[in-house]
Amino acid sequence: MAASRGAVVLKTVKKIIVQFCPFESDVRSTREFLIMVGSEKIRSTNMNCEVITEVKHDRSEPKIDITFMDGERLVMKGSKLTTQEMLSALQNRCSAKDPQAKAGDKKK
């Protein structure tokens, strides 16, 4: 399973909805992403962040819909991305929205 290089901090995330049909062949990266963001370590960065799983049996494409505190949304198609690409996109967006993370980057 892919591990992220930097820690994903959900401080700026309000809700994550993970949708997939478990019987499709292209859901592995989406399921691995769900395992990662559902882990205690990542969840502890924002206990108010809702992680919702929608398991469907309609042959639909796996999708991750992330809503940030400021109302912006990030929608990722799981069949086209690896777990690492999805975690990286989430991490980059979270870092860009977190003023403390920006201050930490400037000090380096």
PDB file of N, CA and C in Angstrom:
ATOM      1  N   MET A   1       0.842  -1.179   0.000  1.00  0.00           N
ATOM      2  CA  MET A   1       0.000   0.000   0.000  1.00  0.00           C
ATOM      3  C   MET A   1       0.886   1.239   0.000  1.00  0.00           C
ATOM      4  N   ALA A   2       0.455   2.250  -0.708  1.00  0.00           N
ATOM      5  CA  ALA A   2       1.252   3.476  -0.811  1.00  0.00           C
ATOM      6  C   ALA A   2       1.213   4.252   0.498  1.00  0.00           C
ATOM      7  N   ALA A   3       2.359   4.760   0.876  1.00  0.00           N
ATOM      8  CA  ALA A   3       2.423   5.598   2.077  1.00  0.00           C
ATOM      9  C   ALA A   3       2.782   7.008   1.647  1.00  0.00           C
ATOM     10  N   SER A   4       2.176   7.974   2.249  1.00  0.00           N
ATOM     11  CA  SER A   4       2.467   9.352   1.855  1.00  0.00           C
ATOM     12  C   SER A   4       3.758   9.815   2.511  1.00  0.00           C
ATOM     13  N   ARG A   5       4.477  10.676   1.798  1.00  0.00           N
ATOM     14  CA  ARG A   5       5.750  11.181   2.314  1.00  0.00           C
ATOM     15  C   ARG A   5       5.541  12.135   3.469  1.00  0.00           C
ATOM     16  N   GLY A   6       4.637  13.094   3.276  1.00  0.00           N
ATOM     17  CA  GLY A   6       4.315  14.037   4.343  1.00  0.00           C
ATOM     18  C   GLY A   6       2.973  13.667   4.930  1.00  0.00           C
ATOM     19  N   ALA A   7       2.738  14.105   6.130  1.00  0.00           N
ATOM     20  CA  ALA A   7       1.482  13.767   6.785  1.00  0.00           C
ATOM     21  C   ALA A   7       0.330  14.573   6.183  1.00  0.00           C
ATOM     22  N   VAL A   8      -0.785  13.907   5.969  1.00  0.00           N
ATOM     23  CA  VAL A   8      -1.994  14.583   5.521  1.00  0.00           C
ATOM     24  C   VAL A   8      -2.680  15.134   6.762  1.00  0.00           C
ATOM     25  N   VAL A   9      -2.937  16.434   6.757  1.00  0.00           N
ATOM     26  CA  VAL A   9      -3.584  17.087   7.893  1.00  0.00           C
ATOM     27  C   VAL A   9      -4.958  17.570   7.434  1.00  0.00           C
ATOM     28  N   LEU A  10      -6.003  17.050   8.077  1.00  0.00           N
ATOM     29  CA  LEU A  10      -7.375  17.349   7.661  1.00  0.00           C
ATOM     30  C   LEU A  10      -7.957  18.597   8.321  1.00  0.00           C
ATOM     31  N   LYS A  11      -7.111  19.448   8.877  1.00  0.00           N
ATOM     32  CA  LYS A  11      -7.581  20.626   9.611  1.00  0.00           C
ATOM     33  C   LYS A  11      -8.534  21.498   8.785  1.00  0.00           C
ATOM     34  N   THR A  12      -8.292  21.605   7.477  1.00  0.00           N
ATOM     35  CA  THR A  12      -9.104  22.478   6.620  1.00  0.00           C
ATOM     36  C   THR A  12     -10.234  21.724   5.909  1.00  0.00           C
ATOM     37  N   VAL A  13     -10.416  20.438   6.239  1.00  0.00           N
ATOM     38  CA  VAL A  13     -11.414  19.608   5.554  1.00  0.00           C
ATOM     39  C   VAL A  13     -12.663  19.457   6.418  1.00  0.00           C
ATOM     40  N   LYS A  14     -13.825  19.667   5.797  1.00  0.00           N
ATOM     41  CA  LYS A  14     -15.093  19.537   6.493  1.00  0.00           C
ATOM     42  C   LYS A  14     -15.665  18.127   6.326  1.00  0.00           C
ATOM     43  N   LYS A  15     -15.597  17.594   5.079  1.00  0.00           N
ATOM     44  CA  LYS A  15     -16.240  16.308   4.813  1.00  0.00           C
ATOM     45  C   LYS A  15     -15.552  15.613   3.648  1.00  0.00           C
ATOM     46  N   ILE A  16     -15.417  14.289   3.762  1.00  0.00           N
ATOM     47  CA  ILE A  16     -14.891  13.458   2.687  1.00  0.00           C
ATOM     48  C   ILE A  16     -15.918  12.369   2.409  1.00  0.00           C
ATOM     49  N   ILE A  17     -16.396  12.313   1.160  1.00  0.00           N
ATOM     50  CA  ILE A  17     -17.339  11.271   0.765  1.00  0.00           C
ATOM     51  C   ILE A  17     -16.625  10.366  -0.236  1.00  0.00           C
ATOM     52  N   VAL A  18     -16.549   9.083   0.096  1.00  0.00           N
ATOM     53  CA  VAL A  18     -15.910   8.100  -0.778  1.00  0.00           C
ATOM     54  C   VAL A  18     -17.003   7.176  -1.309  1.00  0.00           C
ATOM     55  N   GLN A  19     -17.174   7.169  -2.644  1.00  0.00           N
ATOM     56  CA  GLN A  19     -18.211   6.350  -3.274  1.00  0.00           C
ATOM     57  C   GLN A  19     -17.547   5.319  -4.183  1.00  0.00           C
ATOM     58  N   PHE A  20     -17.993   4.075  -4.102  1.00  0.00           N
ATOM     59  CA  PHE A  20     -17.482   3.064  -5.017  1.00  0.00           C
ATOM     60  C   PHE A  20     -18.390   1.846  -5.056  1.00  0.00           C
ATOM     61  N   CYS A  21     -18.285   1.104  -6.143  1.00  0.00           N
ATOM     62  CA  CYS A  21     -18.948  -0.188  -6.288  1.00  0.00           C
ATOM     63  C   CYS A  21     -17.874  -1.237  -6.059  1.00  0.00           C
ATOM     64  N   PRO A  22     -17.976  -2.047  -4.999  1.00  0.00           N
ATOM     65  CA  PRO A  22     -16.908  -2.980  -4.649  1.00  0.00           C
ATOM     66  C   PRO A  22     -16.674  -4.091  -5.672  1.00  0.00           C
ATOM     67  N   PHE A  23     -17.591  -4.255  -6.604  1.00  0.00           N
ATOM     68  CA  PHE A  23     -17.474  -5.341  -7.572  1.00  0.00           C
ATOM     69  C   PHE A  23     -16.769  -4.923  -8.857  1.00  0.00           C
ATOM     70  N   GLU A  24     -16.409  -3.655  -8.956  1.00  0.00           N
ATOM     71  CA  GLU A  24     -15.683  -3.181 -10.130  1.00  0.00           C
ATOM     72  C   GLU A  24     -14.192  -3.448  -9.961  1.00  0.00           C
ATOM     73  N   SER A  25     -13.476  -3.535 -11.067  1.00  0.00           N
ATOM     74  CA  SER A  25     -12.047  -3.878 -11.021  1.00  0.00           C
ATOM     75  C   SER A  25     -11.138  -2.682 -10.721  1.00  0.00           C
ATOM     76  N   ASP A  26     -11.664  -1.463 -10.848  1.00  0.00           N
ATOM     77  CA  ASP A  26     -10.818  -0.270 -10.722  1.00  0.00           C
ATOM     78  C   ASP A  26     -11.007   0.489  -9.405  1.00  0.00           C
ATOM     79  N   VAL A  27     -11.361  -0.212  -8.332  1.00  0.00           N
ATOM     80  CA  VAL A  27     -11.643   0.466  -7.061  1.00  0.00           C
ATOM     81  C   VAL A  27     -10.514   0.374  -6.038  1.00  0.00           C
ATOM     82  N   ARG A  28      -9.451  -0.327  -6.354  1.00  0.00           N
ATOM     83  CA  ARG A  28      -8.398  -0.560  -5.363  1.00  0.00           C
ATOM     84  C   ARG A  28      -7.829   0.736  -4.784  1.00  0.00           C
ATOM     85  N   SER A  29      -7.456   1.683  -5.646  1.00  0.00           N
ATOM     86  CA  SER A  29      -6.846   2.924  -5.150  1.00  0.00           C
ATOM     87  C   SER A  29      -7.833   3.720  -4.293  1.00  0.00           C
ATOM     88  N   THR A  30      -9.109   3.684  -4.655  1.00  0.00           N
ATOM     89  CA  THR A  30     -10.136   4.395  -3.882  1.00  0.00           C
ATOM     90  C   THR A  30     -10.296   3.761  -2.502  1.00  0.00           C
ATOM     91  N   ARG A  31     -10.288   2.446  -2.445  1.00  0.00           N
ATOM     92  CA  ARG A  31     -10.420   1.755  -1.157  1.00  0.00           C
ATOM     93  C   ARG A  31      -9.186   2.002  -0.287  1.00  0.00           C
ATOM     94  N   GLU A  32      -8.004   2.016  -0.910  1.00  0.00           N
ATOM     95  CA  GLU A  32      -6.776   2.289  -0.148  1.00  0.00           C
ATOM     96  C   GLU A  32      -6.781   3.726   0.377  1.00  0.00           C
ATOM     97  N   PHE A  33      -7.287   4.673  -0.434  1.00  0.00           N
ATOM     98  CA  PHE A  33      -7.405   6.056   0.012  1.00  0.00           C
ATOM     99  C   PHE A  33      -8.322   6.127   1.229  1.00  0.00           C
ATOM    100  N   LEU A  34      -9.445   5.417   1.194  1.00  0.00           N
ATOM    101  CA  LEU A  34     -10.385   5.391   2.313  1.00  0.00           C
ATOM    102  C   LEU A  34      -9.714   4.845   3.570  1.00  0.00           C
ATOM    103  N   ILE A  35      -8.919   3.799   3.423  1.00  0.00           N
ATOM    104  CA  ILE A  35      -8.206   3.229   4.571  1.00  0.00           C
ATOM    105  C   ILE A  35      -7.245   4.259   5.159  1.00  0.00           C
ATOM    106  N   MET A  36      -6.538   4.974   4.284  1.00  0.00           N
ATOM    107  CA  MET A  36      -5.558   5.960   4.754  1.00  0.00           C
ATOM    108  C   MET A  36      -6.239   7.113   5.490  1.00  0.00           C
ATOM    109  N   VAL A  37      -7.264   7.732   4.881  1.00  0.00           N
ATOM    110  CA  VAL A  37      -7.906   8.882   5.540  1.00  0.00           C
ATOM    111  C   VAL A  37      -8.754   8.456   6.723  1.00  0.00           C
ATOM    112  N   GLY A  38      -9.105   7.190   6.787  1.00  0.00           N
ATOM    113  CA  GLY A  38      -9.862   6.675   7.917  1.00  0.00           C
ATOM    114  C   GLY A  38      -8.979   6.221   9.069  1.00  0.00           C
ATOM    115  N   SER A  39      -7.667   6.250   8.855  1.00  0.00           N
ATOM    116  CA  SER A  39      -6.756   5.803   9.913  1.00  0.00           C
ATOM    117  C   SER A  39      -6.808   6.757  11.098  1.00  0.00           C
ATOM    118  N   GLU A  40      -6.527   6.231  12.260  1.00  0.00           N
ATOM    119  CA  GLU A  40      -6.589   7.026  13.492  1.00  0.00           C
ATOM    120  C   GLU A  40      -5.637   8.224  13.436  1.00  0.00           C
ATOM    121  N   LYS A  41      -4.455   8.011  12.871  1.00  0.00           N
ATOM    122  CA  LYS A  41      -3.446   9.068  12.806  1.00  0.00           C
ATOM    123  C   LYS A  41      -3.939  10.271  11.989  1.00  0.00           C
ATOM    124  N   ILE A  42      -4.505  10.010  10.821  1.00  0.00           N
ATOM    125  CA  ILE A  42      -4.984  11.110   9.976  1.00  0.00           C
ATOM    126  C   ILE A  42      -6.283  11.688  10.527  1.00  0.00           C
ATOM    127  N   ARG A  43      -7.193  10.840  10.994  1.00  0.00           N
ATOM    128  CA  ARG A  43      -8.460  11.326  11.546  1.00  0.00           C
ATOM    129  C   ARG A  43      -8.233  12.221  12.759  1.00  0.00           C
ATOM    130  N   SER A  44      -7.182  11.958  13.536  1.00  0.00           N
ATOM    131  CA  SER A  44      -6.913  12.746  14.741  1.00  0.00           C
ATOM    132  C   SER A  44      -6.505  14.185  14.412  1.00  0.00           C
ATOM    133  N   THR A  45      -6.180  14.481  13.160  1.00  0.00           N
ATOM    134  CA  THR A  45      -5.821  15.851  12.783  1.00  0.00           C
ATOM    135  C   THR A  45      -7.049  16.750  12.681  1.00  0.00           C
ATOM    136  N   ASN A  46      -8.249  16.151  12.621  1.00  0.00           N
ATOM    137  CA  ASN A  46      -9.496  16.911  12.640  1.00  0.00           C
ATOM    138  C   ASN A  46     -10.630  15.956  12.989  1.00  0.00           C
ATOM    139  N   MET A  47     -10.966  15.898  14.259  1.00  0.00           N
ATOM    140  CA  MET A  47     -12.009  14.973  14.717  1.00  0.00           C
ATOM    141  C   MET A  47     -13.404  15.375  14.210  1.00  0.00           C
ATOM    142  N   ASN A  48     -13.570  16.624  13.748  1.00  0.00           N
ATOM    143  CA  ASN A  48     -14.860  17.085  13.244  1.00  0.00           C
ATOM    144  C   ASN A  48     -15.054  16.789  11.761  1.00  0.00           C
ATOM    145  N   CYS A  49     -14.028  16.304  11.094  1.00  0.00           N
ATOM    146  CA  CYS A  49     -14.120  15.969   9.676  1.00  0.00           C
ATOM    147  C   CYS A  49     -14.922  14.683   9.516  1.00  0.00           C
ATOM    148  N   GLU A  50     -15.992  14.757   8.725  1.00  0.00           N
ATOM    149  CA  GLU A  50     -16.818  13.580   8.469  1.00  0.00           C
ATOM    150  C   GLU A  50     -16.185  12.769   7.340  1.00  0.00           C
ATOM    151  N   VAL A  51     -16.021  11.475   7.539  1.00  0.00           N
ATOM    152  CA  VAL A  51     -15.601  10.578   6.467  1.00  0.00           C
ATOM    153  C   VAL A  51     -16.763   9.638   6.219  1.00  0.00           C
ATOM    154  N   ILE A  52     -17.382   9.793   5.048  1.00  0.00           N
ATOM    155  CA  ILE A  52     -18.588   9.039   4.719  1.00  0.00           C
ATOM    156  C   ILE A  52     -18.269   8.071   3.587  1.00  0.00           C
ATOM    157  N   THR A  53     -18.662   6.827   3.772  1.00  0.00           N
ATOM    158  CA  THR A  53     -18.463   5.816   2.737  1.00  0.00           C
ATOM    159  C   THR A  53     -19.806   5.461   2.136  1.00  0.00           C
ATOM    160  N   GLU A  54     -19.891   5.531   0.807  1.00  0.00           N
ATOM    161  CA  GLU A  54     -21.112   5.135   0.104  1.00  0.00           C
ATOM    162  C   GLU A  54     -20.769   3.966  -0.802  1.00  0.00           C
ATOM    163  N   VAL A  55     -21.149   2.771  -0.367  1.00  0.00           N
ATOM    164  CA  VAL A  55     -20.908   1.574  -1.165  1.00  0.00           C
ATOM    165  C   VAL A  55     -22.138   1.364  -2.038  1.00  0.00           C
ATOM    166  N   LYS A  56     -21.918   1.376  -3.343  1.00  0.00           N
ATOM    167  CA  LYS A  56     -23.026   1.257  -4.289  1.00  0.00           C
ATOM    168  C   LYS A  56     -22.883  -0.035  -5.081  1.00  0.00           C
ATOM    169  N   HIS A  57     -23.989  -0.506  -5.585  1.00  0.00           N
ATOM    170  CA  HIS A  57     -23.953  -1.690  -6.454  1.00  0.00           C
ATOM    171  C   HIS A  57     -24.606  -1.308  -7.778  1.00  0.00           C
ATOM    172  N   ASP A  58     -24.018  -0.286  -8.425  1.00  0.00           N
ATOM    173  CA  ASP A  58     -24.600   0.214  -9.669  1.00  0.00           C
ATOM    174  C   ASP A  58     -23.551   0.375 -10.768  1.00  0.00           C
ATOM    175  N   ARG A  59     -22.396  -0.269 -10.589  1.00  0.00           N
ATOM    176  CA  ARG A  59     -21.299  -0.228 -11.558  1.00  0.00           C
ATOM    177  C   ARG A  59     -20.782   1.190 -11.796  1.00  0.00           C
ATOM    178  N   SER A  60     -21.000   2.069 -10.827  1.00  0.00           N
ATOM    179  CA  SER A  60     -20.562   3.460 -10.964  1.00  0.00           C
ATOM    180  C   SER A  60     -19.054   3.578 -10.777  1.00  0.00           C
ATOM    181  N   GLU A  61     -18.510   4.645 -11.327  1.00  0.00           N
ATOM    182  CA  GLU A  61     -17.081   4.914 -11.227  1.00  0.00           C
ATOM    183  C   GLU A  61     -16.750   5.340  -9.798  1.00  0.00           C
ATOM    184  N   PRO A  62     -15.630   4.854  -9.237  1.00  0.00           N
ATOM    185  CA  PRO A  62     -15.254   5.279  -7.882  1.00  0.00           C
ATOM    186  C   PRO A  62     -14.960   6.774  -7.858  1.00  0.00           C
ATOM    187  N   LYS A  63     -15.445   7.451  -6.816  1.00  0.00           N
ATOM    188  CA  LYS A  63     -15.314   8.907  -6.746  1.00  0.00           C
ATOM    189  C   LYS A  63     -15.057   9.331  -5.307  1.00  0.00           C
ATOM    190  N   ILE A  64     -14.209  10.336  -5.155  1.00  0.00           N
ATOM    191  CA  ILE A  64     -13.942  10.923  -3.850  1.00  0.00           C
ATOM    192  C   ILE A  64     -14.309  12.395  -3.933  1.00  0.00           C
ATOM    193  N   ASP A  65     -15.203  12.819  -3.060  1.00  0.00           N
ATOM    194  CA  ASP A  65     -15.697  14.200  -3.048  1.00  0.00           C
ATOM    195  C   ASP A  65     -15.310  14.814  -1.700  1.00  0.00           C
ATOM    196  N   ILE A  66     -14.396  15.778  -1.741  1.00  0.00           N
ATOM    197  CA  ILE A  66     -13.887  16.410  -0.515  1.00  0.00           C
ATOM    198  C   ILE A  66     -14.410  17.836  -0.445  1.00  0.00           C
ATOM    199  N   THR A  67     -15.018  18.194   0.687  1.00  0.00           N
ATOM    200  CA  THR A  67     -15.501  19.555   0.915  1.00  0.00           C
ATOM    201  C   THR A  67     -14.629  20.195   1.991  1.00  0.00           C
ATOM    202  N   PHE A  68     -14.094  21.375   1.679  1.00  0.00           N
ATOM    203  CA  PHE A  68     -13.236  22.089   2.620  1.00  0.00           C
ATOM    204  C   PHE A  68     -14.062  23.059   3.452  1.00  0.00           C
ATOM    205  N   MET A  69     -13.478  23.558   4.532  1.00  0.00           N
ATOM    206  CA  MET A  69     -14.170  24.474   5.446  1.00  0.00           C
ATOM    207  C   MET A  69     -14.665  25.737   4.739  1.00  0.00           C
ATOM    208  N   ASP A  70     -13.928  26.189   3.715  1.00  0.00           N
ATOM    209  CA  ASP A  70     -14.320  27.407   3.003  1.00  0.00           C
ATOM    210  C   ASP A  70     -15.359  27.143   1.909  1.00  0.00           C
ATOM    211  N   GLY A  71     -15.828  25.890   1.799  1.00  0.00           N
ATOM    212  CA  GLY A  71     -16.862  25.553   0.826  1.00  0.00           C
ATOM    213  C   GLY A  71     -16.324  25.020  -0.497  1.00  0.00           C
ATOM    214  N   GLU A  72     -15.037  25.154  -0.742  1.00  0.00           N
ATOM    215  CA  GLU A  72     -14.458  24.637  -1.978  1.00  0.00           C
ATOM    216  C   GLU A  72     -14.528  23.118  -1.975  1.00  0.00           C
ATOM    217  N   ARG A  73     -14.669  22.531  -3.168  1.00  0.00           N
ATOM    218  CA  ARG A  73     -14.737  21.072  -3.286  1.00  0.00           C
ATOM    219  C   ARG A  73     -13.630  20.556  -4.190  1.00  0.00           C
ATOM    220  N   LEU A  74     -13.172  19.366  -3.886  1.00  0.00           N
ATOM    221  CA  LEU A  74     -12.199  18.655  -4.707  1.00  0.00           C
ATOM    222  C   LEU A  74     -12.816  17.297  -5.007  1.00  0.00           C
ATOM    223  N   VAL A  75     -13.040  17.015  -6.296  1.00  0.00           N
ATOM    224  CA  VAL A  75     -13.631  15.740  -6.700  1.00  0.00           C
ATOM    225  C   VAL A  75     -12.590  14.975  -7.504  1.00  0.00           C
ATOM    226  N   MET A  76     -12.322  13.737  -7.079  1.00  0.00           N
ATOM    227  CA  MET A  76     -11.332  12.914  -7.764  1.00  0.00           C
ATOM    228  C   MET A  76     -11.980  11.618  -8.245  1.00  0.00           C
ATOM    229  N   LYS A  77     -11.660  11.234  -9.475  1.00  0.00           N
ATOM    230  CA  LYS A  77     -12.140   9.974 -10.061  1.00  0.00           C
ATOM    231  C   LYS A  77     -11.130   8.890  -9.712  1.00  0.00           C
ATOM    232  N   GLY A  78     -11.507   7.976  -8.853  1.00  0.00           N
ATOM    233  CA  GLY A  78     -10.600   6.964  -8.341  1.00  0.00           C
ATOM    234  C   GLY A  78     -10.076   5.981  -9.367  1.00  0.00           C
ATOM    235  N   SER A  79     -10.819   5.776 -10.448  1.00  0.00           N
ATOM    236  CA  SER A  79     -10.378   4.799 -11.446  1.00  0.00           C
ATOM    237  C   SER A  79      -9.196   5.312 -12.266  1.00  0.00           C
ATOM    238  N   LYS A  80      -8.995   6.615 -12.277  1.00  0.00           N
ATOM    239  CA  LYS A  80      -7.943   7.227 -13.099  1.00  0.00           C
ATOM    240  C   LYS A  80      -6.691   7.588 -12.305  1.00  0.00           C
ATOM    241  N   LEU A  81      -6.750   7.481 -10.973  1.00  0.00           N
ATOM    242  CA  LEU A  81      -5.648   7.935 -10.116  1.00  0.00           C
ATOM    243  C   LEU A  81      -5.147   6.815  -9.204  1.00  0.00           C
ATOM    244  N   THR A  82      -3.881   6.927  -8.808  1.00  0.00           N
ATOM    245  CA  THR A  82      -3.346   6.001  -7.814  1.00  0.00           C
ATOM    246  C   THR A  82      -3.664   6.547  -6.421  1.00  0.00           C
ATOM    247  N   THR A  83      -3.500   5.718  -5.419  1.00  0.00           N
ATOM    248  CA  THR A  83      -3.722   6.147  -4.035  1.00  0.00           C
ATOM    249  C   THR A  83      -2.794   7.304  -3.709  1.00  0.00           C
ATOM    250  N   GLN A  84      -1.531   7.191  -4.113  1.00  0.00           N
ATOM    251  CA  GLN A  84      -0.536   8.232  -3.822  1.00  0.00           C
ATOM    252  C   GLN A  84      -0.915   9.554  -4.484  1.00  0.00           C
ATOM    253  N   GLU A  85      -1.415   9.504  -5.715  1.00  0.00           N
ATOM    254  CA  GLU A  85      -1.820  10.729  -6.414  1.00  0.00           C
ATOM    255  C   GLU A  85      -2.979  11.409  -5.693  1.00  0.00           C
ATOM    256  N   MET A  86      -3.932  10.625  -5.208  1.00  0.00           N
ATOM    257  CA  MET A  86      -5.082  11.200  -4.490  1.00  0.00           C
ATOM    258  C   MET A  86      -4.647  11.795  -3.153  1.00  0.00           C
ATOM    259  N   LEU A  87      -3.805  11.078  -2.407  1.00  0.00           N
ATOM    260  CA  LEU A  87      -3.312  11.596  -1.127  1.00  0.00           C
ATOM    261  C   LEU A  87      -2.482  12.862  -1.336  1.00  0.00           C
ATOM    262  N   SER A  88      -1.685  12.870  -2.376  1.00  0.00           N
ATOM    263  CA  SER A  88      -0.842  14.025  -2.678  1.00  0.00           C
ATOM    264  C   SER A  88      -1.703  15.244  -3.034  1.00  0.00           C
ATOM    265  N   ALA A  89      -2.744  15.033  -3.851  1.00  0.00           N
ATOM    266  CA  ALA A  89      -3.645  16.134  -4.227  1.00  0.00           C
ATOM    267  C   ALA A  89      -4.333  16.701  -2.987  1.00  0.00           C
ATOM    268  N   LEU A  90      -4.792  15.813  -2.094  1.00  0.00           N
ATOM    269  CA  LEU A  90      -5.439  16.247  -0.855  1.00  0.00           C
ATOM    270  C   LEU A  90      -4.451  17.001   0.024  1.00  0.00           C
ATOM    271  N   GLN A  91      -3.267  16.465   0.175  1.00  0.00           N
ATOM    272  CA  GLN A  91      -2.240  17.093   1.014  1.00  0.00           C
ATOM    273  C   GLN A  91      -1.866  18.472   0.480  1.00  0.00           C
ATOM    274  N   ASN A  92      -1.690  18.594  -0.836  1.00  0.00           N
ATOM    275  CA  ASN A  92      -1.326  19.880  -1.435  1.00  0.00           C
ATOM    276  C   ASN A  92      -2.426  20.920  -1.222  1.00  0.00           C
ATOM    277  N   ARG A  93      -3.672  20.517  -1.393  1.00  0.00           N
ATOM    278  CA  ARG A  93      -4.793  21.453  -1.233  1.00  0.00           C
ATOM    279  C   ARG A  93      -4.935  21.863   0.224  1.00  0.00           C
ATOM    280  N   CYS A  94      -4.770  20.898   1.142  1.00  0.00           N
ATOM    281  CA  CYS A  94      -4.860  21.202   2.580  1.00  0.00           C
ATOM    282  C   CYS A  94      -3.747  22.157   2.996  1.00  0.00           C
ATOM    283  N   SER A  95      -2.539  21.928   2.515  1.00  0.00           N
ATOM    284  CA  SER A  95      -1.394  22.794   2.845  1.00  0.00           C
ATOM    285  C   SER A  95      -1.615  24.204   2.328  1.00  0.00           C
ATOM    286  N   ALA A  96      -2.182  24.320   1.127  1.00  0.00           N
ATOM    287  CA  ALA A  96      -2.425  25.638   0.537  1.00  0.00           C
ATOM    288  C   ALA A  96      -3.474  26.424   1.325  1.00  0.00           C
ATOM    289  N   LYS A  97      -4.406  25.729   1.975  1.00  0.00           N
ATOM    290  CA  LYS A  97      -5.484  26.387   2.712  1.00  0.00           C
ATOM    291  C   LYS A  97      -5.149  26.646   4.172  1.00  0.00           C
ATOM    292  N   ASP A  98      -4.099  26.025   4.686  1.00  0.00           N
ATOM    293  CA  ASP A  98      -3.748  26.148   6.104  1.00  0.00           C
ATOM    294  C   ASP A  98      -2.669  27.206   6.293  1.00  0.00           C
ATOM    295  N   PRO A  99      -2.995  28.343   6.925  1.00  0.00           N
ATOM    296  CA  PRO A  99      -2.007  29.406   7.104  1.00  0.00           C
ATOM    297  C   PRO A  99      -0.804  28.970   7.945  1.00  0.00           C
ATOM    298  N   GLN A 100      -0.995  28.063   8.897  1.00  0.00           N
ATOM    299  CA  GLN A 100       0.115  27.588   9.724  1.00  0.00           C
ATOM    300  C   GLN A 100       1.067  26.737   8.882  1.00  0.00           C
ATOM    301  N   ALA A 101       0.519  25.937   7.969  1.00  0.00           N
ATOM    302  CA  ALA A 101       1.373  25.109   7.108  1.00  0.00           C
ATOM    303  C   ALA A 101       2.195  26.014   6.190  1.00  0.00           C
ATOM    304  N   LYS A 102       1.587  27.099   5.698  1.00  0.00           N
ATOM    305  CA  LYS A 102       2.312  28.042   4.837  1.00  0.00           C
ATOM    306  C   LYS A 102       3.457  28.687   5.614  1.00  0.00           C
ATOM    307  N   ALA A 103       3.201  29.067   6.863  1.00  0.00           N
ATOM    308  CA  ALA A 103       4.236  29.691   7.698  1.00  0.00           C
ATOM    309  C   ALA A 103       5.381  28.691   7.950  1.00  0.00           C
ATOM    310  N   GLY A 104       5.040  27.439   8.155  1.00  0.00           N
ATOM    311  CA  GLY A 104       6.057  26.412   8.374  1.00  0.00           C
ATOM    312  C   GLY A 104       6.918  26.187   7.145  1.00  0.00           C
ATOM    313  N   ASP A 105       6.309  26.277   5.942  1.00  0.00           N
ATOM    314  CA  ASP A 105       7.063  26.110   4.704  1.00  0.00           C
ATOM    315  C   ASP A 105       8.051  27.249   4.497  1.00  0.00           C
ATOM    316  N   LYS A 106       7.664  28.466   4.897  1.00  0.00           N
ATOM    317  CA  LYS A 106       8.537  29.630   4.713  1.00  0.00           C
ATOM    318  C   LYS A 106       9.763  29.580   5.615  1.00  0.00           C
ATOM    319  N   LYS A 107       9.634  28.945   6.773  1.00  0.00           N
ATOM    320  CA  LYS A 107      10.748  28.866   7.719  1.00  0.00           C
ATOM    321  C   LYS A 107      11.842  27.924   7.243  1.00  0.00           C
ATOM    322  N   LYS A 108      11.479  26.977   6.389  1.00  0.00           N
ATOM    323  CA  LYS A 108      12.462  25.980   5.931  1.00  0.00           C
ATOM    324  C   LYS A 108      13.464  26.555   4.970  1.00  0.00           C
TER     325      LYS A 108
END
